[in-house]
Amino acid sequence: TPSGPRGSSRDWRRTLALLASSGCTAAELQAVWLGIEASTLEDMVAVKVLSANGIVVALRSAVLAAEYTGVVPAEELLQRLSKRALAQARWLDGWAISHIALALASLGGRPRPSYDPLRGALLERCMLSPDTD
């Protein structure tokens, strides 16, 4: 966007696309990450209004930012994203929940606070029904 990222779901999708598959240098990717991280932290409601997919995309972006640029995502941002993801867990599908769990694990989330709140939703949505034939 001309005025820079604002931390919306759309901005996070754009960031993930750049981090995942662009030909940008690590320094360019670092600038992209630092921009969206700063704008999201500056706007106190940015994380609260992310769509369910936006939460997943933001967490996946944090993983890729750490992996490709060496930047450690801000703890405050990770806490906000994690808290929002865990609050939304009962409404998320199996794909979203599994990606959140993987992202939190990749970012060093501690098992009890990170995964325990997801356990019920994961089991409910990811269990395969037995074949009755």
Protein backbone atom coordinates (compact mmCIF):
# COMPACT_ATOMS: atom_id res chain seq x y z
CA THR A 1 0.00 0.00 0.00
CA PRO A 2 1.26 3.53 -0.65
CA SER A 3 1.14 4.47 3.04
CA GLY A 4 2.75 1.21 4.12
CA PRO A 5 1.26 -1.83 5.83
CA ARG A 6 -1.40 -1.35 8.48
CA GLY A 7 -1.52 -4.88 9.87
CA SER A 8 -4.71 -5.96 8.10
CA SER A 9 -5.34 -9.51 6.94
CA ARG A 10 -4.57 -8.34 3.41
CA ASP A 11 -1.24 -6.83 4.49
CA TRP A 12 -0.31 -10.06 6.25
CA ARG A 13 -1.17 -12.13 3.15
CA ARG A 14 1.06 -9.85 1.07
CA THR A 15 3.86 -10.19 3.61
CA LEU A 16 3.59 -13.99 3.66
CA ALA A 17 3.71 -14.09 -0.13
CA LEU A 18 6.86 -11.96 -0.17
CA LEU A 19 8.54 -14.01 2.54
CA ALA A 20 7.57 -17.35 1.03
CA SER A 21 8.27 -16.91 -2.64
CA SER A 22 9.83 -13.64 -3.67
CA GLY A 23 13.25 -13.01 -5.07
CA CYS A 24 13.89 -10.33 -2.45
CA THR A 25 17.12 -10.23 -0.51
CA ALA A 26 17.19 -10.94 3.22
CA ALA A 27 17.64 -7.21 3.87
CA GLU A 28 14.57 -6.38 1.75
CA LEU A 29 12.52 -9.06 3.50
CA GLN A 30 13.70 -7.79 6.86
CA ALA A 31 12.44 -4.30 5.97
CA VAL A 32 9.07 -5.75 4.97
CA TRP A 33 8.83 -7.69 8.23
CA LEU A 34 9.87 -4.79 10.42
CA GLY A 35 7.32 -2.55 8.70
CA ILE A 36 4.32 -4.80 9.26
CA GLU A 37 5.46 -5.76 12.74
CA ALA A 38 5.77 -2.09 13.77
CA SER A 39 2.46 -1.06 12.22
CA THR A 40 0.63 -3.97 13.84
CA LEU A 41 2.10 -3.24 17.25
CA GLU A 42 1.34 0.46 16.90
CA ASP A 43 -2.34 -0.21 16.15
CA MET A 44 -3.73 -1.73 19.35
CA VAL A 45 -6.72 -3.30 17.57
CA ALA A 46 -4.97 -4.64 14.44
CA VAL A 47 -4.65 -8.18 15.81
CA LYS A 48 -8.19 -8.16 17.24
CA VAL A 49 -9.72 -7.54 13.81
CA LEU A 50 -7.69 -10.12 11.89
CA SER A 51 -9.77 -12.77 10.20
CA ALA A 52 -9.22 -16.39 11.22
CA ASN A 53 -7.09 -16.86 8.13
CA GLY A 54 -5.30 -13.59 8.90
CA ILE A 55 -4.19 -14.96 12.28
CA VAL A 56 -2.77 -18.07 10.60
CA VAL A 57 -1.04 -16.01 7.91
CA ALA A 58 0.47 -13.62 10.48
CA LEU A 59 1.87 -16.52 12.55
CA ARG A 60 3.24 -18.24 9.44
CA SER A 61 4.82 -14.93 8.40
CA ALA A 62 6.53 -14.67 11.79
CA VAL A 63 8.02 -18.14 11.31
CA LEU A 64 9.30 -17.28 7.83
CA ALA A 65 10.64 -13.90 8.96
CA ALA A 66 12.71 -15.60 11.63
CA GLU A 67 13.86 -18.29 9.20
CA TYR A 68 14.70 -16.13 6.17
CA THR A 69 15.84 -12.86 7.73
CA GLY A 70 17.17 -13.87 11.14
CA VAL A 71 14.92 -11.29 12.79
CA VAL A 72 13.36 -12.50 16.00
CA PRO A 73 9.69 -11.45 15.96
CA ALA A 74 8.74 -9.12 18.81
CA GLU A 75 7.52 -11.01 21.86
CA GLU A 76 4.58 -8.62 22.25
CA LEU A 77 3.39 -9.37 18.70
CA LEU A 78 3.71 -13.11 19.23
CA GLN A 79 1.77 -12.87 22.49
CA ARG A 80 -1.04 -10.90 20.86
CA LEU A 81 -1.26 -13.28 17.89
CA SER A 82 -1.12 -16.33 20.13
CA LYS A 83 -3.78 -14.99 22.50
CA ARG A 84 -6.07 -14.16 19.58
CA ALA A 85 -5.50 -17.55 17.93
CA LEU A 86 -6.24 -19.41 21.14
CA ALA A 87 -9.38 -17.34 21.74
CA GLN A 88 -10.64 -18.21 18.26
CA ALA A 89 -9.68 -21.92 18.35
CA ARG A 90 -13.18 -23.30 18.79
CA TRP A 91 -14.32 -21.60 15.55
CA LEU A 92 -11.33 -22.59 13.42
CA ASP A 93 -11.16 -25.56 11.10
CA GLY A 94 -8.59 -28.34 11.36
CA TRP A 95 -6.28 -26.78 8.77
CA ALA A 96 -6.11 -23.46 10.60
CA ILE A 97 -5.64 -25.05 14.02
CA SER A 98 -2.86 -27.34 12.81
CA HIS A 99 -1.03 -24.41 11.18
CA ILE A 100 -1.36 -22.36 14.36
CA ALA A 101 0.04 -25.22 16.45
CA LEU A 102 2.95 -25.69 14.04
CA ALA A 103 3.71 -21.96 13.94
CA LEU A 104 3.61 -21.65 17.72
CA ALA A 105 5.92 -24.65 18.06
CA SER A 106 8.29 -23.24 15.42
CA LEU A 107 8.40 -19.93 17.29
CA GLY A 108 9.32 -21.65 20.54
CA GLY A 109 5.93 -21.62 22.21
CA ARG A 110 5.77 -23.49 25.50
CA PRO A 111 3.51 -26.57 25.29
CA ARG A 112 1.08 -25.88 28.12
CA PRO A 113 0.07 -22.31 27.23
CA SER A 114 0.46 -22.80 23.47
CA TYR A 115 -0.96 -26.22 22.69
CA ASP A 116 -3.24 -27.23 25.54
CA PRO A 117 -5.93 -24.69 24.59
CA LEU A 118 -5.80 -26.06 21.03
CA ARG A 119 -6.00 -29.74 21.99
CA GLY A 120 -9.79 -30.04 22.15
CA ALA A 121 -10.32 -28.26 18.86
CA LEU A 122 -7.56 -30.28 17.18
CA LEU A 123 -9.00 -33.58 18.35
CA GLU A 124 -12.54 -32.61 17.41
CA ARG A 125 -11.70 -31.41 13.91
CA CYS A 126 -8.79 -33.61 12.93
CA MET A 127 -10.00 -37.06 13.94
CA LEU A 128 -10.98 -39.29 11.09
CA SER A 129 -14.22 -41.17 11.42
CA PRO A 130 -13.77 -44.94 11.18
CA ASP A 131 -14.73 -46.53 7.90
CA THR A 132 -18.01 -48.38 8.46
CA ASP A 133 -17.94 -50.36 5.21
